[in-house]
């Protein structure tokens, strides 16, 4: 009988606790499942050293854990492919620094003034809590509708912050008081992906003792029944069949894409690089074309919310036919979604971007 496969994902690759969690995961399912991890040959060296510390030479790593070699160029395709294929997912959330960063706020506003918009735009975005690239895996889990098959794990000391991020990531926009002071942090688009974790099957925390250790038996004991439930319910859970190729690369022809499986033409940006795709039928507009229509100041300012560069904005027009951006007849109406702050903008007049 073929054993079920569980994919192990990590949000900050250099964290040495990744392999302590991996060992504990293997201990939890050693008789029931195979663990997959996408990585490179450098991972294998660290994995094997941590494995020997946890299990000695009595248990062979290859019998339980399968390292799937990948490269910087191919890892997105490989991760998407395995997310689609496996029976369950374990996602380890860990910070890239000693701790999750605190949420920043701009200088307080005490008096009403005419430049509140400028003050809002100058309020800092929160630093990403963890690895920017690997947080995209949450986006991929959501697009492939695998979050109900996902167990989130993290160090218990980070759980309150993670709970806050999940709640904040699911909110719409930024909240301010009557004077314009932000009362919620301005999350980056990459951290807003954390909001999708509210759809996850569940979460399990661990406590790593101060003196270290390569295995967490109590964590493994708590993780085991949760994973068995995920595996048992996987077969009965219905989800649409995904066209994996539609979620990768560019195409000059329409593809059915998230968030609503409507036809979209995304011809200039690799779709796996786009965190926010708008609903409905649309056609992407290239950065080169937008750069030619916007005036110099608008091109310099970029996103009207966070001033990210034009190259960080996904531009599009509604529908699957182009009419051009200039001329006296029917024209396209450009819109944009910033991939740094996640906010929407559109063309105002002939050559300026304005917030929606």
Protein backbone atom coordinates (compact mmCIF):
# COMPACT_ATOMS: atom_id res chain seq x y z
CA UNK A 1 0.00 0.00 0.00
CA UNK A 2 1.33 3.44 -0.97
CA UNK A 3 1.93 5.68 2.01
CA UNK A 4 0.45 9.21 1.91
CA UNK A 5 2.84 12.11 1.29
CA UNK A 6 3.08 15.26 3.42
CA UNK A 7 4.88 18.35 2.09
CA UNK A 8 6.96 20.33 4.60
CA UNK A 9 7.17 24.06 3.80
CA UNK A 10 9.16 26.71 5.67
CA UNK A 11 8.85 30.48 5.52
CA UNK A 12 12.45 31.28 6.45
CA UNK A 13 14.84 28.77 4.98
CA UNK A 14 18.01 29.48 7.04
CA UNK A 15 16.23 28.89 10.36
CA UNK A 16 18.01 25.88 11.97
CA UNK A 17 14.79 24.99 13.79
CA UNK A 18 13.35 23.94 10.43
CA UNK A 19 15.15 20.63 10.76
CA UNK A 20 14.20 20.16 14.41
CA UNK A 21 10.58 20.56 13.30
CA UNK A 22 11.22 18.25 10.34
CA UNK A 23 12.67 15.56 12.63
CA UNK A 24 9.67 15.88 14.94
CA UNK A 25 7.30 15.68 11.99
CA UNK A 26 9.05 12.54 10.79
CA UNK A 27 8.79 11.08 14.30
CA UNK A 28 5.06 11.83 14.30
CA UNK A 29 4.31 10.02 11.02
CA UNK A 30 7.23 7.60 10.69
CA UNK A 31 4.94 4.57 10.29
CA UNK A 32 2.18 6.19 8.27
CA UNK A 33 3.50 8.76 5.78
CA UNK A 34 6.42 10.07 3.72
CA UNK A 35 7.63 13.64 4.28
CA UNK A 36 8.66 15.71 1.25
CA UNK A 37 10.80 18.85 1.39
CA UNK A 38 11.90 20.96 -1.60
CA UNK A 39 15.48 22.17 -1.22
CA UNK A 40 19.02 21.90 -2.52
CA UNK A 41 22.12 19.85 -1.79
CA UNK A 42 23.18 22.23 0.99
CA UNK A 43 19.96 21.33 2.78
CA UNK A 44 20.87 17.65 2.63
CA UNK A 45 24.10 18.18 4.61
CA UNK A 46 22.31 20.04 7.43
CA UNK A 47 19.34 17.65 7.35
CA UNK A 48 21.53 14.56 7.73
CA UNK A 49 23.54 16.08 10.60
CA UNK A 50 20.37 17.06 12.47
CA UNK A 51 18.83 13.66 11.74
CA UNK A 52 21.81 11.77 13.20
CA UNK A 53 21.63 13.92 16.32
CA UNK A 54 17.94 13.09 16.72
CA UNK A 55 17.86 9.40 15.71
CA UNK A 56 21.47 8.19 15.54
CA UNK A 57 22.18 5.64 12.83
CA UNK A 58 19.32 3.29 13.67
CA UNK A 59 16.69 5.06 11.54
CA UNK A 60 17.42 5.86 7.90
CA UNK A 61 16.28 9.32 6.84
CA UNK A 62 15.54 8.20 3.26
CA UNK A 63 12.87 5.80 4.56
CA UNK A 64 10.79 8.69 5.92
CA UNK A 65 11.98 11.99 4.41
CA UNK A 66 12.40 12.68 0.69
CA UNK A 67 14.45 15.72 -0.35
CA UNK A 68 13.30 17.01 -3.74
CA UNK A 69 16.25 18.92 -5.29
CA UNK A 70 15.39 22.23 -6.88
CA UNK A 71 17.06 25.44 -8.08
CA UNK A 72 16.46 29.15 -7.58
CA UNK A 73 14.85 29.29 -11.02
CA UNK A 74 12.65 26.19 -10.67
CA UNK A 75 11.56 26.14 -7.02
CA UNK A 76 8.23 27.91 -7.62
CA UNK A 77 7.22 25.38 -10.26
CA UNK A 78 8.40 22.49 -8.07
CA UNK A 79 6.58 23.76 -4.97
CA UNK A 80 3.35 24.37 -6.90
CA UNK A 81 3.55 20.88 -8.37
CA UNK A 82 4.02 19.21 -4.98
CA UNK A 83 1.34 21.35 -3.27
CA UNK A 84 -1.08 20.08 -5.89
CA UNK A 85 -0.05 16.42 -5.55
CA UNK A 86 0.47 15.68 -1.83
CA UNK A 87 -2.06 14.47 0.74
CA UNK A 88 -1.30 17.14 3.33
CA UNK A 89 0.98 20.10 4.10
CA UNK A 90 2.85 21.26 7.20
CA UNK A 91 3.85 24.94 7.09
CA UNK A 92 6.50 26.14 9.55
CA UNK A 93 6.26 29.88 10.24
CA UNK A 94 9.45 31.38 11.66
CA UNK A 95 10.94 34.90 11.70
CA UNK A 96 14.03 35.89 9.75
CA UNK A 97 15.37 37.82 12.75
CA UNK A 98 15.59 36.90 16.42
CA UNK A 99 11.92 37.77 16.75
CA UNK A 100 9.04 38.98 14.60
CA UNK A 101 9.49 42.74 13.98
CA UNK A 102 7.30 45.20 15.80
CA UNK A 103 4.64 46.99 13.78
CA UNK A 104 5.83 50.53 12.89
CA UNK A 105 3.65 53.63 12.91
CA UNK A 106 4.43 57.09 11.60
CA UNK A 107 4.75 60.22 13.78
CA UNK A 108 1.43 60.99 15.53
CA UNK A 109 -0.89 63.59 14.00
CA UNK A 110 -2.40 65.94 16.60
CA UNK A 111 -4.09 68.50 14.38
CA UNK A 112 -6.21 68.25 11.27
CA UNK A 113 -4.35 69.54 8.21
CA UNK A 114 -4.58 69.55 4.45
CA UNK A 115 -1.70 67.19 3.89
CA UNK A 116 -3.17 64.12 5.63
CA UNK A 117 -2.78 62.10 2.44
CA UNK A 118 0.93 62.87 2.27
CA UNK A 119 1.30 61.95 5.94
CA UNK A 120 -0.53 58.68 5.31
CA UNK A 121 1.69 57.84 2.34
CA UNK A 122 4.79 58.58 4.40
CA UNK A 123 3.74 56.14 7.15
CA UNK A 124 6.14 53.20 6.99
CA UNK A 125 5.17 49.73 5.80
CA UNK A 126 5.87 46.94 8.26
CA UNK A 127 9.01 44.94 7.50
CA UNK A 128 8.18 41.44 6.20
CA UNK A 129 7.95 39.08 9.17
CA UNK A 130 9.86 36.31 7.44
CA UNK A 131 11.31 35.20 4.09
CA UNK A 132 9.74 37.23 1.26
CA UNK A 133 10.11 34.50 -1.35
CA UNK A 134 8.88 31.62 0.76
CA UNK A 135 5.86 33.53 2.06
CA UNK A 136 4.64 33.20 -1.55
CA UNK A 137 3.99 29.56 -0.68
CA UNK A 138 0.95 30.74 1.31
CA UNK A 139 -0.32 32.42 -1.85
CA UNK A 140 0.21 29.14 -3.74
CA UNK A 141 -1.58 27.11 -1.06
CA UNK A 142 -4.51 29.48 -1.34
CA UNK A 143 -4.61 29.40 -5.16
CA UNK A 144 -4.58 25.61 -5.21
CA UNK A 145 -7.14 25.51 -2.37
CA UNK A 146 -4.88 23.37 -0.18
CA UNK A 147 -5.12 25.42 3.02
CA UNK A 148 -7.85 23.11 4.41
CA UNK A 149 -5.21 20.35 4.11
CA UNK A 150 -2.52 22.47 5.84
CA UNK A 151 -1.33 22.40 9.45
CA UNK A 152 0.51 25.55 10.55
CA UNK A 153 3.28 25.14 13.15
CA UNK A 154 5.32 27.77 14.97
CA UNK A 155 7.21 28.42 18.18
CA UNK A 156 4.69 29.10 20.96
CA UNK A 157 6.26 32.49 21.73
CA UNK A 158 5.30 33.75 18.24
CA UNK A 159 1.69 32.56 18.32
CA UNK A 160 0.15 35.86 19.58
CA UNK A 161 1.91 37.88 16.86
CA UNK A 162 0.99 35.33 14.23
CA UNK A 163 -2.66 35.41 15.36
CA UNK A 164 -2.61 39.21 15.02
CA UNK A 165 -1.09 38.98 11.55
CA UNK A 166 -3.70 36.46 10.40
CA UNK A 167 -6.46 38.78 11.62
CA UNK A 168 -4.88 41.93 10.17
CA UNK A 169 -4.02 40.26 6.87
CA UNK A 170 -7.69 39.46 6.37
CA UNK A 171 -8.88 43.03 6.84
CA UNK A 172 -9.64 45.44 4.03
CA UNK A 173 -7.41 48.51 3.83
CA UNK A 174 -5.84 50.50 6.64
CA UNK A 175 -7.75 51.90 9.60
CA UNK A 176 -7.14 55.44 10.89
CA UNK A 177 -8.57 57.60 13.64
CA UNK A 178 -10.34 60.89 13.02
CA UNK A 179 -7.04 62.76 12.71
CA UNK A 180 -5.57 60.29 10.25
CA UNK A 181 -3.34 58.35 12.64
CA UNK A 182 -3.03 54.71 11.64
CA UNK A 183 -4.55 52.35 14.21
CA UNK A 184 -3.54 49.26 12.22
CA UNK A 185 -0.07 48.68 10.76
CA UNK A 186 0.47 49.06 7.02
CA UNK A 187 1.29 45.48 6.09
CA UNK A 188 3.21 44.67 2.95
CA UNK A 189 1.46 42.62 0.27
CA UNK A 190 3.66 39.66 1.12
CA UNK A 191 2.60 39.73 4.78
CA UNK A 192 -1.05 40.10 3.81
CA UNK A 193 -0.75 36.56 2.45
CA UNK A 194 -0.59 35.44 6.09
CA UNK A 195 -4.28 36.38 6.34
CA UNK A 196 -5.08 33.35 4.18
CA UNK A 197 -3.98 31.09 7.06
CA UNK A 198 -7.39 31.58 8.66
CA UNK A 199 -8.48 28.89 6.15
CA UNK A 200 -5.89 26.37 7.39
CA UNK A 201 -6.97 23.08 8.95
CA UNK A 202 -5.38 23.99 12.27
CA UNK A 203 -2.21 24.89 14.11
CA UNK A 204 0.20 23.28 16.56
CA UNK A 205 2.84 25.15 18.56
CA UNK A 206 6.10 23.90 20.05
CA UNK A 207 8.56 25.05 22.68
CA UNK A 208 12.25 24.57 21.91
CA UNK A 209 14.21 24.13 25.16
CA UNK A 210 17.03 26.61 25.85
CA UNK A 211 19.64 23.84 25.74
CA UNK A 212 18.56 22.86 22.22
CA UNK A 213 17.86 19.38 20.97
CA UNK A 214 17.19 17.95 17.51
CA UNK A 215 13.85 16.35 18.36
CA UNK A 216 10.70 17.52 20.14
CA UNK A 217 8.83 14.37 21.24
CA UNK A 218 5.92 16.19 22.91
CA UNK A 219 5.42 18.33 19.82
CA UNK A 220 5.48 15.20 17.66
CA UNK A 221 2.87 13.56 19.90
CA UNK A 222 0.58 16.61 19.52
CA UNK A 223 1.18 16.83 15.77
CA UNK A 224 0.51 13.16 14.98
CA UNK A 225 -3.30 13.03 15.52
CA UNK A 226 -3.83 16.32 13.67
CA UNK A 227 -1.96 15.05 10.62
CA UNK A 228 -3.85 11.77 10.70
CA UNK A 229 -7.09 13.76 10.61
CA UNK A 230 -5.84 15.80 7.64
CA UNK A 231 -4.84 12.68 5.72
CA UNK A 232 -8.13 10.93 6.52
CA UNK A 233 -10.24 13.88 5.36
CA UNK A 234 -8.16 14.66 2.25
CA UNK A 235 -9.87 12.10 0.03
CA UNK A 236 -13.37 13.27 0.90
CA UNK A 237 -12.68 17.00 0.45
CA UNK A 238 -13.78 18.32 -2.92
CA UNK A 239 -11.81 21.02 -4.69
CA UNK A 240 -11.64 22.11 -8.33
CA UNK A 241 -9.00 20.45 -10.49
CA UNK A 242 -6.22 22.98 -11.04
CA UNK A 243 -4.50 23.50 -14.36
CA UNK A 244 -1.00 23.80 -12.96
CA UNK A 245 0.45 25.27 -16.14
CA UNK A 246 -2.04 28.12 -15.87
CA UNK A 247 -0.39 29.19 -12.62
CA UNK A 248 3.08 29.54 -14.13
CA UNK A 249 4.80 31.84 -16.59
CA UNK A 250 3.26 34.20 -19.13
CA UNK A 251 0.80 33.62 -21.96
CA UNK A 252 -0.55 35.80 -24.78
CA UNK A 253 -3.72 33.69 -24.81
CA UNK A 254 -6.43 33.69 -22.12
CA UNK A 255 -6.07 31.35 -19.13
CA UNK A 256 -8.41 30.63 -16.24
CA UNK A 257 -6.70 32.20 -13.26
CA UNK A 258 -7.37 33.03 -9.59
CA UNK A 259 -9.13 34.40 -7.71
CA UNK A 260 -12.25 33.44 -9.66
CA UNK A 261 -11.08 31.13 -12.50
CA UNK A 262 -12.12 33.74 -15.09
CA UNK A 263 -10.19 34.12 -18.34
CA UNK A 264 -7.25 36.50 -18.05
CA UNK A 265 -4.36 37.40 -20.37
CA UNK A 266 -1.18 37.80 -18.32
CA UNK A 267 1.45 38.14 -21.03
CA UNK A 268 4.27 40.16 -19.46
CA UNK A 269 4.61 39.02 -15.82
CA UNK A 270 5.09 35.46 -14.60
CA UNK A 271 1.78 34.77 -12.92
CA UNK A 272 3.49 33.05 -9.97
CA UNK A 273 5.16 36.41 -9.22
CA UNK A 274 1.82 38.23 -8.93
CA UNK A 275 0.48 38.15 -5.37
CA UNK A 276 -2.76 40.00 -6.15
CA UNK A 277 -4.73 39.21 -9.29
CA UNK A 278 -8.03 41.07 -9.74
CA UNK A 279 -11.28 39.21 -10.41
CA UNK A 280 -13.01 39.16 -13.79
CA UNK A 281 -11.74 38.99 -17.35
CA UNK A 282 -8.72 41.20 -17.93
CA UNK A 283 -5.69 41.85 -20.11
CA UNK A 284 -2.32 42.84 -18.66
CA UNK A 285 -0.75 46.12 -19.79
CA UNK A 286 3.05 46.16 -19.91
CA UNK A 287 5.16 48.46 -17.73
CA UNK A 288 6.78 49.84 -20.88
CA UNK A 289 3.42 50.91 -22.29
CA UNK A 290 2.34 52.49 -18.99
CA UNK A 291 5.66 54.29 -18.73
CA UNK A 292 4.99 55.91 -22.08
CA UNK A 293 1.53 57.22 -21.14
CA UNK A 294 2.15 58.49 -17.60
CA UNK A 295 3.72 61.90 -17.11
CA UNK A 296 7.17 62.18 -15.63
CA UNK A 297 5.99 62.99 -12.11
CA UNK A 298 3.46 60.13 -12.06
CA UNK A 299 6.12 57.71 -13.28
CA UNK A 300 8.51 58.96 -10.59
CA UNK A 301 5.98 58.62 -7.76
CA UNK A 302 4.81 55.11 -8.82
CA UNK A 303 2.13 53.67 -6.53
CA UNK A 304 -0.07 56.53 -5.25
CA UNK A 305 -0.35 54.74 -1.87
CA UNK A 306 3.18 53.63 -1.00
CA UNK A 307 5.32 55.10 -3.80
CA UNK A 308 6.55 51.70 -4.92
CA UNK A 309 8.13 51.72 -8.39
CA UNK A 310 5.93 51.26 -11.47
CA UNK A 311 7.62 47.89 -11.96
CA UNK A 312 5.99 46.75 -8.69
CA UNK A 313 2.46 47.42 -10.02
CA UNK A 314 0.40 44.91 -12.00
CA UNK A 315 -1.37 46.96 -14.71
CA UNK A 316 -4.42 45.70 -16.56
CA UNK A 317 -7.56 46.67 -18.44
CA UNK A 318 -10.93 44.96 -18.21
CA UNK A 319 -11.86 42.49 -20.94
CA UNK A 320 -9.85 40.31 -23.29
CA UNK A 321 -9.46 42.83 -26.14
CA UNK A 322 -7.12 45.79 -26.33
CA UNK A 323 -8.13 49.14 -27.85
CA UNK A 324 -4.98 51.10 -27.01
CA UNK A 325 -4.31 53.76 -24.41
CA UNK A 326 -4.46 56.77 -26.72
CA UNK A 327 -6.73 58.04 -29.47
CA UNK A 328 -10.10 59.71 -29.90
CA UNK A 329 -12.15 56.50 -30.14
CA UNK A 330 -12.68 53.68 -27.64
CA UNK A 331 -9.70 53.31 -25.32
CA UNK A 332 -8.52 50.93 -22.64
CA UNK A 333 -8.89 52.14 -19.06
CA UNK A 334 -5.73 51.14 -17.16
CA UNK A 335 -5.95 49.92 -13.58
CA UNK A 336 -3.19 48.77 -11.26
CA UNK A 337 -2.67 46.66 -8.15
CA UNK A 338 0.52 47.36 -6.23
CA UNK A 339 2.41 44.20 -5.35
CA UNK A 340 4.11 45.94 -2.41
CA UNK A 341 1.11 47.38 -0.52
CA UNK A 342 -1.73 45.57 -2.29
CA UNK A 343 -3.75 48.73 -3.00
CA UNK A 344 -5.55 49.60 -6.26
CA UNK A 345 -5.12 52.61 -8.52
CA UNK A 346 -6.37 53.71 -11.91
CA UNK A 347 -5.65 56.26 -14.62
CA UNK A 348 -6.91 59.76 -13.87
CA UNK A 349 -7.15 62.03 -16.89
CA UNK A 350 -4.64 61.13 -19.56
CA UNK A 351 -1.40 60.63 -17.66
CA UNK A 352 -1.78 60.37 -13.85
CA UNK A 353 -2.36 57.45 -11.47
CA UNK A 354 -4.89 57.99 -8.70
CA UNK A 355 -5.96 55.73 -5.82
CA UNK A 356 -9.25 53.89 -6.15
